[in-house]
PDB file of N, CA and C in Angstrom:
ATOM      1  N   MET A   1     126.355  58.992  85.752  1.00  0.00           N
ATOM      2  CA  MET A   1     125.308  58.632  84.845  1.00  0.00           C
ATOM      3  C   MET A   1     125.281  59.666  83.718  1.00  0.00           C
ATOM      4  N   LEU A   2     125.837  59.329  82.560  1.00  0.00           N
ATOM      5  CA  LEU A   2     125.918  60.223  81.414  1.00  0.00           C
ATOM      6  C   LEU A   2     124.951  59.749  80.342  1.00  0.00           C
ATOM      7  N   ILE A   3     124.035  60.625  79.971  1.00  0.00           N
ATOM      8  CA  ILE A   3     123.049  60.266  78.959  1.00  0.00           C
ATOM      9  C   ILE A   3     123.303  61.155  77.755  1.00  0.00           C
ATOM     10  N   SER A   4     123.564  60.577  76.593  1.00  0.00           N
ATOM     11  CA  SER A   4     123.930  61.372  75.428  1.00  0.00           C
ATOM     12  C   SER A   4     122.715  62.046  74.790  1.00  0.00           C
ATOM     13  N   LYS A   5     121.651  61.319  74.545  1.00  0.00           N
ATOM     14  CA  LYS A   5     120.440  61.903  73.957  1.00  0.00           C
ATOM     15  C   LYS A   5     119.403  62.006  75.049  1.00  0.00           C
ATOM     16  N   PHE A   6     119.227  63.225  75.546  1.00  0.00           N
ATOM     17  CA  PHE A   6     118.346  63.414  76.692  1.00  0.00           C
ATOM     18  C   PHE A   6     117.330  64.483  76.351  1.00  0.00           C
ATOM     19  N   ASP A   7     116.060  64.164  76.378  1.00  0.00           N
ATOM     20  CA  ASP A   7     114.980  65.091  76.043  1.00  0.00           C
ATOM     21  C   ASP A   7     114.446  65.716  77.331  1.00  0.00           C
ATOM     22  N   LEU A   8     114.517  67.038  77.397  1.00  0.00           N
ATOM     23  CA  LEU A   8     114.067  67.743  78.601  1.00  0.00           C
ATOM     24  C   LEU A   8     112.551  67.734  78.762  1.00  0.00           C
ATOM     25  N   TYR A   9     111.826  67.404  77.700  1.00  0.00           N
ATOM     26  CA  TYR A   9     110.376  67.453  77.772  1.00  0.00           C
ATOM     27  C   TYR A   9     109.752  66.104  78.142  1.00  0.00           C
ATOM     28  N   LYS A  10     110.547  65.105  78.346  1.00  0.00           N
ATOM     29  CA  LYS A  10     110.015  63.809  78.766  1.00  0.00           C
ATOM     30  C   LYS A  10     110.009  63.725  80.289  1.00  0.00           C
ATOM     31  N   SER A  11     109.243  62.801  80.815  1.00  0.00           N
ATOM     32  CA  SER A  11     109.142  62.667  82.265  1.00  0.00           C
ATOM     33  C   SER A  11     110.395  62.027  82.865  1.00  0.00           C
ATOM     34  N   ASP A  12     111.252  61.413  82.033  1.00  0.00           N
ATOM     35  CA  ASP A  12     112.498  60.830  82.551  1.00  0.00           C
ATOM     36  C   ASP A  12     113.385  61.908  83.173  1.00  0.00           C
ATOM     37  N   TRP A  13     113.432  63.029  82.541  1.00  0.00           N
ATOM     38  CA  TRP A  13     114.236  64.168  83.033  1.00  0.00           C
ATOM     39  C   TRP A  13     113.711  64.627  84.386  1.00  0.00           C
ATOM     40  N   LEU A  14     112.431  64.730  84.516  1.00  0.00           N
ATOM     41  CA  LEU A  14     111.827  65.166  85.768  1.00  0.00           C
ATOM     42  C   LEU A  14     112.090  64.155  86.880  1.00  0.00           C
ATOM     43  N   GLU A  15     112.003  62.899  86.545  1.00  0.00           N
ATOM     44  CA  GLU A  15     112.281  61.857  87.545  1.00  0.00           C
ATOM     45  C   GLU A  15     113.752  61.889  87.963  1.00  0.00           C
ATOM     46  N   LEU A  16     114.629  62.183  87.029  1.00  0.00           N
ATOM     47  CA  LEU A  16     116.055  62.242  87.346  1.00  0.00           C
ATOM     48  C   LEU A  16     116.361  63.416  88.274  1.00  0.00           C
ATOM     49  N   VAL A  17     115.748  64.565  88.018  1.00  0.00           N
ATOM     50  CA  VAL A  17     115.992  65.750  88.843  1.00  0.00           C
ATOM     51  C   VAL A  17     115.447  65.559  90.254  1.00  0.00           C
ATOM     52  N   PHE A  18     114.259  64.962  90.368  1.00  0.00           N
ATOM     53  CA  PHE A  18     113.625  64.835  91.676  1.00  0.00           C
ATOM     54  C   PHE A  18     113.884  63.472  92.333  1.00  0.00           C
ATOM     55  N   GLU A  19     114.878  62.787  91.883  1.00  0.00           N
ATOM     56  CA  GLU A  19     115.240  61.514  92.498  1.00  0.00           C
ATOM     57  C   GLU A  19     115.760  61.760  93.915  1.00  0.00           C
ATOM     58  N   ASP A  20     115.271  61.049  94.886  1.00  0.00           N
ATOM     59  CA  ASP A  20     115.630  61.186  96.306  1.00  0.00           C
ATOM     60  C   ASP A  20     115.309  62.574  96.858  1.00  0.00           C
ATOM     61  N   ARG A  21     114.266  63.207  96.362  1.00  0.00           N
ATOM     62  CA  ARG A  21     113.866  64.530  96.872  1.00  0.00           C
ATOM     63  C   ARG A  21     112.370  64.517  97.169  1.00  0.00           C
ATOM     64  N   ASN A  22     111.936  65.568  97.842  1.00  0.00           N
ATOM     65  CA  ASN A  22     110.533  65.674  98.225  1.00  0.00           C
ATOM     66  C   ASN A  22     109.706  66.102  97.012  1.00  0.00           C
ATOM     67  N   LYS A  23     108.859  65.249  96.517  1.00  0.00           N
ATOM     68  CA  LYS A  23     108.025  65.550  95.355  1.00  0.00           C
ATOM     69  C   LYS A  23     106.686  66.162  95.752  1.00  0.00           C
ATOM     70  N   ALA A  24     106.429  66.254  97.037  1.00  0.00           N
ATOM     71  CA  ALA A  24     105.107  66.702  97.491  1.00  0.00           C
ATOM     72  C   ALA A  24     105.026  68.209  97.738  1.00  0.00           C
ATOM     73  N   TYR A  25     106.145  68.943  97.659  1.00  0.00           N
ATOM     74  CA  TYR A  25     106.046  70.347  98.075  1.00  0.00           C
ATOM     75  C   TYR A  25     105.621  71.298  96.964  1.00  0.00           C
ATOM     76  N   GLY A  26     105.497  70.863  95.721  1.00  0.00           N
ATOM     77  CA  GLY A  26     104.898  71.709  94.697  1.00  0.00           C
ATOM     78  C   GLY A  26     105.711  71.874  93.433  1.00  0.00           C
ATOM     79  N   ALA A  27     107.030  71.909  93.511  1.00  0.00           N
ATOM     80  CA  ALA A  27     107.842  72.121  92.313  1.00  0.00           C
ATOM     81  C   ALA A  27     107.724  70.952  91.348  1.00  0.00           C
ATOM     82  N   TYR A  28     107.628  69.765  91.873  1.00  0.00           N
ATOM     83  CA  TYR A  28     107.483  68.579  91.020  1.00  0.00           C
ATOM     84  C   TYR A  28     106.185  68.656  90.226  1.00  0.00           C
ATOM     85  N   ASP A  29     105.119  69.035  90.884  1.00  0.00           N
ATOM     86  CA  ASP A  29     103.823  69.137  90.215  1.00  0.00           C
ATOM     87  C   ASP A  29     103.822  70.258  89.178  1.00  0.00           C
ATOM     88  N   LEU A  30     104.451  71.394  89.503  1.00  0.00           N
ATOM     89  CA  LEU A  30     104.520  72.507  88.547  1.00  0.00           C
ATOM     90  C   LEU A  30     105.276  72.102  87.288  1.00  0.00           C
ATOM     91  N   ARG A  31     106.398  71.425  87.454  1.00  0.00           N
ATOM     92  CA  ARG A  31     107.180  70.999  86.296  1.00  0.00           C
ATOM     93  C   ARG A  31     106.496  69.874  85.533  1.00  0.00           C
ATOM     94  N   GLN A  32     105.761  69.037  86.216  1.00  0.00           N
ATOM     95  CA  GLN A  32     105.087  67.933  85.568  1.00  0.00           C
ATOM     96  C   GLN A  32     103.950  68.428  84.676  1.00  0.00           C
ATOM     97  N   HIS A  33     103.277  69.492  85.091  1.00  0.00           N
ATOM     98  CA  HIS A  33     102.125  70.023  84.349  1.00  0.00           C
ATOM     99  C   HIS A  33     102.442  71.367  83.694  1.00  0.00           C
ATOM    100  N   TYR A  34     103.695  71.608  83.367  1.00  0.00           N
ATOM    101  CA  TYR A  34     104.115  72.884  82.801  1.00  0.00           C
ATOM    102  C   TYR A  34     103.425  73.172  81.468  1.00  0.00           C
ATOM    103  N   SER A  35     103.412  72.208  80.568  1.00  0.00           N
ATOM    104  CA  SER A  35     102.834  72.453  79.242  1.00  0.00           C
ATOM    105  C   SER A  35     101.337  72.744  79.338  1.00  0.00           C
ATOM    106  N   ARG A  36     100.638  72.019  80.192  1.00  0.00           N
ATOM    107  CA  ARG A  36      99.209  72.267  80.366  1.00  0.00           C
ATOM    108  C   ARG A  36      98.966  73.683  80.918  1.00  0.00           C
ATOM    109  N   ASN A  37      99.778  74.083  81.903  1.00  0.00           N
ATOM    110  CA  ASN A  37      99.626  75.427  82.478  1.00  0.00           C
ATOM    111  C   ASN A  37      99.945  76.512  81.457  1.00  0.00           C
ATOM    112  N   MET A  38     100.959  76.276  80.610  1.00  0.00           N
ATOM    113  CA  MET A  38     101.329  77.268  79.602  1.00  0.00           C
ATOM    114  C   MET A  38     100.231  77.421  78.553  1.00  0.00           C
ATOM    115  N   VAL A  39      99.634  76.331  78.122  1.00  0.00           N
ATOM    116  CA  VAL A  39      98.545  76.398  77.149  1.00  0.00           C
ATOM    117  C   VAL A  39      97.348  77.134  77.738  1.00  0.00           C
ATOM    118  N   ARG A  40      97.031  76.866  78.983  1.00  0.00           N
ATOM    119  CA  ARG A  40      95.922  77.584  79.640  1.00  0.00           C
ATOM    120  C   ARG A  40      96.217  79.083  79.731  1.00  0.00           C
ATOM    121  N   ALA A  41      97.426  79.435  80.130  1.00  0.00           N
ATOM    122  CA  ALA A  41      97.777  80.855  80.267  1.00  0.00           C
ATOM    123  C   ALA A  41      97.714  81.566  78.920  1.00  0.00           C
ATOM    124  N   MET A  42      98.222  80.918  77.881  1.00  0.00           N
ATOM    125  CA  MET A  42      98.168  81.546  76.553  1.00  0.00           C
ATOM    126  C   MET A  42      96.724  81.665  76.070  1.00  0.00           C
ATOM    127  N   GLY A  43      95.904  80.654  76.325  1.00  0.00           N
ATOM    128  CA  GLY A  43      94.505  80.719  75.928  1.00  0.00           C
ATOM    129  C   GLY A  43      93.757  81.834  76.632  1.00  0.00           C
ATOM    130  N   ILE A  44      93.980  81.965  77.926  1.00  0.00           N
ATOM    131  CA  ILE A  44      93.321  83.039  78.685  1.00  0.00           C
ATOM    132  C   ILE A  44      93.782  84.406  78.193  1.00  0.00           C
ATOM    133  N   THR A  45      95.081  84.537  77.911  1.00  0.00           N
ATOM    134  CA  THR A  45      95.606  85.813  77.436  1.00  0.00           C
ATOM    135  C   THR A  45      95.013  86.180  76.081  1.00  0.00           C
ATOM    136  N   PHE A  46      95.038  85.242  75.131  1.00  0.00           N
ATOM    137  CA  PHE A  46      94.486  85.534  73.802  1.00  0.00           C
ATOM    138  C   PHE A  46      92.990  85.787  73.853  1.00  0.00           C
ATOM    139  N   LEU A  47      92.281  85.064  74.701  1.00  0.00           N
ATOM    140  CA  LEU A  47      90.851  85.292  74.849  1.00  0.00           C
ATOM    141  C   LEU A  47      90.579  86.687  75.421  1.00  0.00           C
ATOM    142  N   GLY A  48      91.368  87.082  76.424  1.00  0.00           N
ATOM    143  CA  GLY A  48      91.195  88.420  77.011  1.00  0.00           C
ATOM    144  C   GLY A  48      91.476  89.529  76.008  1.00  0.00           C
ATOM    145  N   ILE A  49      92.539  89.374  75.231  1.00  0.00           N
ATOM    146  CA  ILE A  49      92.852  90.387  74.217  1.00  0.00           C
ATOM    147  C   ILE A  49      91.762  90.431  73.159  1.00  0.00           C
ATOM    148  N   GLY A  50      91.273  89.258  72.760  1.00  0.00           N
ATOM    149  CA  GLY A  50      90.182  89.204  71.780  1.00  0.00           C
ATOM    150  C   GLY A  50      88.907  89.859  72.295  1.00  0.00           C
ATOM    151  N   LEU A  51      88.596  89.611  73.565  1.00  0.00           N
ATOM    152  CA  LEU A  51      87.399  90.238  74.146  1.00  0.00           C
ATOM    153  C   LEU A  51      87.545  91.754  74.229  1.00  0.00           C
ATOM    154  N   LEU A  52      88.722  92.227  74.604  1.00  0.00           N
ATOM    155  CA  LEU A  52      88.930  93.676  74.655  1.00  0.00           C
ATOM    156  C   LEU A  52      88.815  94.306  73.270  1.00  0.00           C
ATOM    157  N   PHE A  53      89.408  93.671  72.281  1.00  0.00           N
ATOM    158  CA  PHE A  53      89.321  94.186  70.920  1.00  0.00           C
ATOM    159  C   PHE A  53      87.880  94.154  70.415  1.00  0.00           C
ATOM    160  N   GLY A  54      87.197  93.036  70.652  1.00  0.00           N
ATOM    161  CA  GLY A  54      85.805  92.922  70.221  1.00  0.00           C
ATOM    162  C   GLY A  54      84.904  93.933  70.899  1.00  0.00           C
ATOM    163  N   ALA A  55      85.122  94.151  72.188  1.00  0.00           N
ATOM    164  CA  ALA A  55      84.313  95.143  72.908  1.00  0.00           C
ATOM    165  C   ALA A  55      84.578  96.540  72.366  1.00  0.00           C
ATOM    166  N   GLY A  56      85.803  96.815  72.001  1.00  0.00           N
ATOM    167  CA  GLY A  56      86.109  98.127  71.426  1.00  0.00           C
ATOM    168  C   GLY A  56      85.428  98.346  70.092  1.00  0.00           C
ATOM    169  N   VAL A  57      85.323  97.291  69.293  1.00  0.00           N
ATOM    170  CA  VAL A  57      84.663  97.409  67.986  1.00  0.00           C
ATOM    171  C   VAL A  57      83.153  97.516  68.163  1.00  0.00           C
ATOM    172  N   VAL A  58      82.585  96.694  69.032  1.00  0.00           N
ATOM    173  CA  VAL A  58      81.129  96.667  69.204  1.00  0.00           C
ATOM    174  C   VAL A  58      80.633  97.913  69.940  1.00  0.00           C
ATOM    175  N   LEU A  59      81.332  98.337  70.941  1.00  0.00           N
ATOM    176  CA  LEU A  59      80.859  99.452  71.773  1.00  0.00           C
ATOM    177  C   LEU A  59      81.353 100.816  71.299  1.00  0.00           C
ATOM    178  N   ARG A  60      81.868 100.889  70.089  1.00  0.00           N
ATOM    179  CA  ARG A  60      82.328 102.170  69.561  1.00  0.00           C
ATOM    180  C   ARG A  60      81.142 103.117  69.420  1.00  0.00           C
ATOM    181  N   PRO A  61      81.299 104.366  69.870  1.00  0.00           N
ATOM    182  CA  PRO A  61      80.155 105.290  69.755  1.00  0.00           C
ATOM    183  C   PRO A  61      79.844 105.585  68.284  1.00  0.00           C
ATOM    184  N   ASN A  62      78.550 105.828  68.023  1.00  0.00           N
ATOM    185  CA  ASN A  62      78.118 106.139  66.666  1.00  0.00           C
ATOM    186  C   ASN A  62      78.642 107.511  66.288  1.00  0.00           C
ATOM    187  N   GLN A  63      79.378 107.549  65.197  1.00  0.00           N
ATOM    188  CA  GLN A  63      79.978 108.819  64.798  1.00  0.00           C
ATOM    189  C   GLN A  63      79.131 109.564  63.774  1.00  0.00           C
ATOM    190  N   GLY A  64      78.028 109.022  63.389  1.00  0.00           N
ATOM    191  CA  GLY A  64      77.153 109.692  62.437  1.00  0.00           C
ATOM    192  C   GLY A  64      77.689 109.555  61.022  1.00  0.00           C
ATOM    193  N   PRO A  65      77.013 110.231  60.076  1.00  0.00           N
ATOM    194  CA  PRO A  65      77.450 110.124  58.682  1.00  0.00           C
ATOM    195  C   PRO A  65      78.791 110.831  58.469  1.00  0.00           C
ATOM    196  N   ILE A  66      79.515 110.320  57.526  1.00  0.00           N
ATOM    197  CA  ILE A  66      80.809 110.922  57.192  1.00  0.00           C
ATOM    198  C   ILE A  66      80.555 112.120  56.295  1.00  0.00           C
ATOM    199  N   VAL A  67      81.116 113.266  56.638  1.00  0.00           N
ATOM    200  CA  VAL A  67      80.918 114.491  55.870  1.00  0.00           C
ATOM    201  C   VAL A  67      81.949 114.526  54.749  1.00  0.00           C
ATOM    202  N   GLN A  68      81.457 114.740  53.532  1.00  0.00           N
ATOM    203  CA  GLN A  68      82.346 114.808  52.382  1.00  0.00           C
ATOM    204  C   GLN A  68      82.877 116.224  52.223  1.00  0.00           C
ATOM    205  N   ALA A  69      84.125 116.326  51.827  1.00  0.00           N
ATOM    206  CA  ALA A  69      84.738 117.631  51.567  1.00  0.00           C
ATOM    207  C   ALA A  69      84.185 118.186  50.260  1.00  0.00           C
ATOM    208  N   PRO A  70      84.137 119.500  50.129  1.00  0.00           N
ATOM    209  CA  PRO A  70      83.674 120.077  48.862  1.00  0.00           C
ATOM    210  C   PRO A  70      84.587 119.642  47.719  1.00  0.00           C
ATOM    211  N   LYS A  71      84.032 119.629  46.519  1.00  0.00           N
ATOM    212  CA  LYS A  71      84.775 119.148  45.364  1.00  0.00           C
ATOM    213  C   LYS A  71      85.965 120.051  45.035  1.00  0.00           C
ATOM    214  N   ASP A  72      85.782 121.379  45.117  1.00  0.00           N
ATOM    215  CA  ASP A  72      86.850 122.310  44.745  1.00  0.00           C
ATOM    216  C   ASP A  72      87.574 122.763  46.008  1.00  0.00           C
ATOM    217  N   THR A  73      88.680 122.135  46.313  1.00  0.00           N
ATOM    218  CA  THR A  73      89.435 122.492  47.518  1.00  0.00           C
ATOM    219  C   THR A  73      90.757 123.163  47.169  1.00  0.00           C
ATOM    220  N   ARG A  74      90.864 123.643  45.950  1.00  0.00           N
ATOM    221  CA  ARG A  74      92.116 124.286  45.540  1.00  0.00           C
ATOM    222  C   ARG A  74      92.219 125.680  46.167  1.00  0.00           C
ATOM    223  N   ILE A  75      93.425 126.055  46.529  1.00  0.00           N
ATOM    224  CA  ILE A  75      93.695 127.373  47.100  1.00  0.00           C
ATOM    225  C   ILE A  75      94.414 128.195  46.037  1.00  0.00           C
ATOM    226  N   PRO A  76      93.877 129.389  45.713  1.00  0.00           N
ATOM    227  CA  PRO A  76      94.553 130.192  44.685  1.00  0.00           C
ATOM    228  C   PRO A  76      95.919 130.683  45.194  1.00  0.00           C
ATOM    229  N   VAL A  77      96.906 130.606  44.313  1.00  0.00           N
ATOM    230  CA  VAL A  77      98.264 131.034  44.650  1.00  0.00           C
ATOM    231  C   VAL A  77      98.618 132.187  43.728  1.00  0.00           C
ATOM    232  N   ILE A  78      99.071 133.293  44.331  1.00  0.00           N
ATOM    233  CA  ILE A  78      99.462 134.461  43.560  1.00  0.00           C
ATOM    234  C   ILE A  78     100.985 134.477  43.485  1.00  0.00           C
ATOM    235  N   ILE A  79     101.493 134.444  42.265  1.00  0.00           N
ATOM    236  CA  ILE A  79     102.936 134.439  42.060  1.00  0.00           C
ATOM    237  C   ILE A  79     103.339 135.842  41.643  1.00  0.00           C
ATOM    238  N   SER A  80     104.265 136.414  42.370  1.00  0.00           N
ATOM    239  CA  SER A  80     104.745 137.751  42.029  1.00  0.00           C
ATOM    240  C   SER A  80     106.264 137.705  41.899  1.00  0.00           C
ATOM    241  N   ARG A  81     106.793 138.723  41.253  1.00  0.00           N
ATOM    242  CA  ARG A  81     108.229 138.781  41.029  1.00  0.00           C
ATOM    243  C   ARG A  81     108.910 139.242  42.313  1.00  0.00           C
ATOM    244  N   VAL A  82     109.996 138.569  42.646  1.00  0.00           N
ATOM    245  CA  VAL A  82     110.768 138.905  43.828  1.00  0.00           C
ATOM    246  C   VAL A  82     112.133 139.373  43.359  1.00  0.00           C
ATOM    247  N   ASP A  83     112.509 140.577  43.817  1.00  0.00           N
ATOM    248  CA  ASP A  83     113.813 141.112  43.423  1.00  0.00           C
ATOM    249  C   ASP A  83     114.917 140.409  44.196  1.00  0.00           C
ATOM    250  N   PRO A  84     116.059 140.153  43.554  1.00  0.00           N
ATOM    251  CA  PRO A  84     117.161 139.510  44.269  1.00  0.00           C
ATOM    252  C   PRO A  84     117.745 140.467  45.309  1.00  0.00           C
ATOM    253  N   PRO A  85     118.359 139.952  46.354  1.00  0.00           N
ATOM    254  CA  PRO A  85     118.947 140.815  47.369  1.00  0.00           C
ATOM    255  C   PRO A  85     120.156 141.566  46.814  1.00  0.00           C
ATOM    256  N   PRO A  86     120.485 142.730  47.416  1.00  0.00           N
ATOM    257  CA  PRO A  86     121.646 143.489  46.928  1.00  0.00           C
ATOM    258  C   PRO A  86     122.927 142.685  47.145  1.00  0.00           C
ATOM    259  N   PRO A  87     123.942 142.913  46.328  1.00  0.00           N
ATOM    260  CA  PRO A  87     125.189 142.161  46.491  1.00  0.00           C
ATOM    261  C   PRO A  87     125.870 142.492  47.826  1.00  0.00           C
ATOM    262  N   ILE A  88     126.585 141.546  48.342  1.00  0.00           N
ATOM    263  CA  ILE A  88     127.276 141.709  49.623  1.00  0.00           C
ATOM    264  C   ILE A  88     128.620 142.359  49.367  1.00  0.00           C
ATOM    265  N   LYS A  89     128.929 143.398  50.176  1.00  0.00           N
ATOM    266  CA  LYS A  89     130.215 144.084  50.033  1.00  0.00           C
ATOM    267  C   LYS A  89     131.299 143.219  50.654  1.00  0.00           C
ATOM    268  N   PRO A  90     132.450 143.102  49.990  1.00  0.00           N
ATOM    269  CA  PRO A  90     133.531 142.316  50.585  1.00  0.00           C
ATOM    270  C   PRO A  90     134.088 143.019  51.825  1.00  0.00           C
ATOM    271  N   PRO A  91     134.536 142.278  52.811  1.00  0.00           N
ATOM    272  CA  PRO A  91     135.061 142.908  54.030  1.00  0.00           C
ATOM    273  C   PRO A  91     136.401 143.584  53.765  1.00  0.00           C
ATOM    274  N   LYS A  92     136.709 144.520  54.650  1.00  0.00           N
ATOM    275  CA  LYS A  92     137.984 145.228  54.534  1.00  0.00           C
ATOM    276  C   LYS A  92     139.121 144.255  54.837  1.00  0.00           C
ATOM    277  N   PRO A  93     140.242 144.425  54.181  1.00  0.00           N
ATOM    278  CA  PRO A  93     141.372 143.542  54.490  1.00  0.00           C
ATOM    279  C   PRO A  93     141.891 143.793  55.901  1.00  0.00           C
ATOM    280  N   ILE A  94     142.358 142.756  56.543  1.00  0.00           N
ATOM    281  CA  ILE A  94     142.858 142.867  57.916  1.00  0.00           C
ATOM    282  C   ILE A  94     144.324 143.269  57.868  1.00  0.00           C
ATOM    283  N   THR A  95     144.601 144.349  58.557  1.00  0.00           N
ATOM    284  CA  THR A  95     145.988 144.832  58.681  1.00  0.00           C
ATOM    285  C   THR A  95     146.269 145.062  60.154  1.00  0.00           C
ATOM    286  N   ALA A  96     147.496 145.423  60.463  1.00  0.00           N
ATOM    287  CA  ALA A  96     147.865 145.671  61.855  1.00  0.00           C
ATOM    288  C   ALA A  96     147.073 146.836  62.430  1.00  0.00           C
ATOM    289  N   GLU A  97     146.753 147.821  61.624  1.00  0.00           N
ATOM    290  CA  GLU A  97     146.009 148.975  62.118  1.00  0.00           C
ATOM    291  C   GLU A  97     144.531 148.654  62.318  1.00  0.00           C
ATOM    292  N   THR A  98     143.956 147.812  61.471  1.00  0.00           N
ATOM    293  CA  THR A  98     142.515 147.557  61.573  1.00  0.00           C
ATOM    294  C   THR A  98     142.164 146.529  62.631  1.00  0.00           C
ATOM    295  N   CYS A  99     143.085 145.625  62.955  1.00  0.00           N
ATOM    296  CA  CYS A  99     142.722 144.609  63.941  1.00  0.00           C
ATOM    297  C   CYS A  99     142.987 145.068  65.365  1.00  0.00           C
ATOM    298  N   GLY A 100     143.695 146.150  65.578  1.00  0.00           N
ATOM    299  CA  GLY A 100     143.907 146.679  66.916  1.00  0.00           C
ATOM    300  C   GLY A 100     144.936 145.897  67.710  1.00  0.00           C
ATOM    301  N   ARG A 101     145.755 145.150  67.027  1.00  0.00           N
ATOM    302  CA  ARG A 101     146.714 144.320  67.736  1.00  0.00           C
ATOM    303  C   ARG A 101     147.804 145.134  68.424  1.00  0.00           C
ATOM    304  N   TYR A 102     148.148 146.259  67.818  1.00  0.00           N
ATOM    305  CA  TYR A 102     149.257 147.040  68.362  1.00  0.00           C
ATOM    306  C   TYR A 102     148.792 148.282  69.099  1.00  0.00           C
ATOM    307  N   LYS A 103     147.538 148.299  69.565  1.00  0.00           N
ATOM    308  CA  LYS A 103     147.073 149.442  70.357  1.00  0.00           C
ATOM    309  C   LYS A 103     147.656 149.350  71.749  1.00  0.00           C
ATOM    310  N   ASN A 104     147.762 150.460  72.417  1.00  0.00           N
ATOM    311  CA  ASN A 104     148.403 150.497  73.736  1.00  0.00           C
ATOM    312  C   ASN A 104     147.462 150.116  74.862  1.00  0.00           C
ATOM    313  N   TYR A 105     146.167 150.233  74.668  1.00  0.00           N
ATOM    314  CA  TYR A 105     145.188 149.935  75.707  1.00  0.00           C
ATOM    315  C   TYR A 105     145.499 150.646  77.021  1.00  0.00           C
ATOM    316  N   GLY A 106     145.784 151.915  76.970  1.00  0.00           N
ATOM    317  CA  GLY A 106     145.976 152.696  78.172  1.00  0.00           C
ATOM    318  C   GLY A 106     147.370 152.612  78.752  1.00  0.00           C
ATOM    319  N   ARG A 107     148.282 152.009  78.071  1.00  0.00           N
ATOM    320  CA  ARG A 107     149.654 151.942  78.582  1.00  0.00           C
ATOM    321  C   ARG A 107     150.488 153.056  77.971  1.00  0.00           C
ATOM    322  N   SER A 108     151.529 153.345  78.647  1.00  0.00           N
ATOM    323  CA  SER A 108     152.438 154.356  78.105  1.00  0.00           C
ATOM    324  C   SER A 108     153.275 153.743  76.983  1.00  0.00           C
ATOM    325  N   PRO A 109     153.805 154.534  76.123  1.00  0.00           N
ATOM    326  CA  PRO A 109     154.565 154.022  74.977  1.00  0.00           C
ATOM    327  C   PRO A 109     155.777 153.170  75.396  1.00  0.00           C
ATOM    328  N   ASN A 110     156.295 153.332  76.608  1.00  0.00           N
ATOM    329  CA  ASN A 110     157.470 152.567  76.994  1.00  0.00           C
ATOM    330  C   ASN A 110     157.097 151.186  77.551  1.00  0.00           C
ATOM    331  N   GLY A 111     155.793 150.836  77.688  1.00  0.00           N
ATOM    332  CA  GLY A 111     155.365 149.516  78.104  1.00  0.00           C
ATOM    333  C   GLY A 111     155.027 149.396  79.582  1.00  0.00           C
ATOM    334  N   SER A 112     155.213 150.449  80.363  1.00  0.00           N
ATOM    335  CA  SER A 112     154.869 150.356  81.771  1.00  0.00           C
ATOM    336  C   SER A 112     153.363 150.537  81.935  1.00  0.00           C
ATOM    337  N   GLY A 113     152.859 150.138  83.070  1.00  0.00           N
ATOM    338  CA  GLY A 113     151.428 150.199  83.312  1.00  0.00           C
ATOM    339  C   GLY A 113     150.903 151.591  83.549  1.00  0.00           C
ATOM    340  N   ALA A 114     151.733 152.544  83.901  1.00  0.00           N
ATOM    341  CA  ALA A 114     151.266 153.896  84.185  1.00  0.00           C
ATOM    342  C   ALA A 114     151.023 154.622  82.882  1.00  0.00           C
ATOM    343  N   GLY A 115     149.894 155.227  82.735  1.00  0.00           N
ATOM    344  CA  GLY A 115     149.542 155.831  81.472  1.00  0.00           C
ATOM    345  C   GLY A 115     149.696 157.237  81.452  1.00  0.00           C
TER     346      GLY A 115
END
């Protein structure tokens, strides 16, 4: 049975699915009244959110009068002259003597470990 234009929201679909099956155990009724249940759930949810928001607005504690800031809120800034830092000295050039590459590190001149 191949149906080319088949609407899932019509009762024909529900009858086709539950053909030769037990319609009394609950799934048939849930699917049959799905749209009604969804509208009720959305209505209850929106009503609950609205009530919570409304209660928050109505039951807000009295905060008293709003205090105005003074008119002159400027902070005086003192600008002084700052001397530039001293120039950086260039590093010494790296040579074999300055990098310590050819030091003996406690070895004898002939390369043995005994010093």
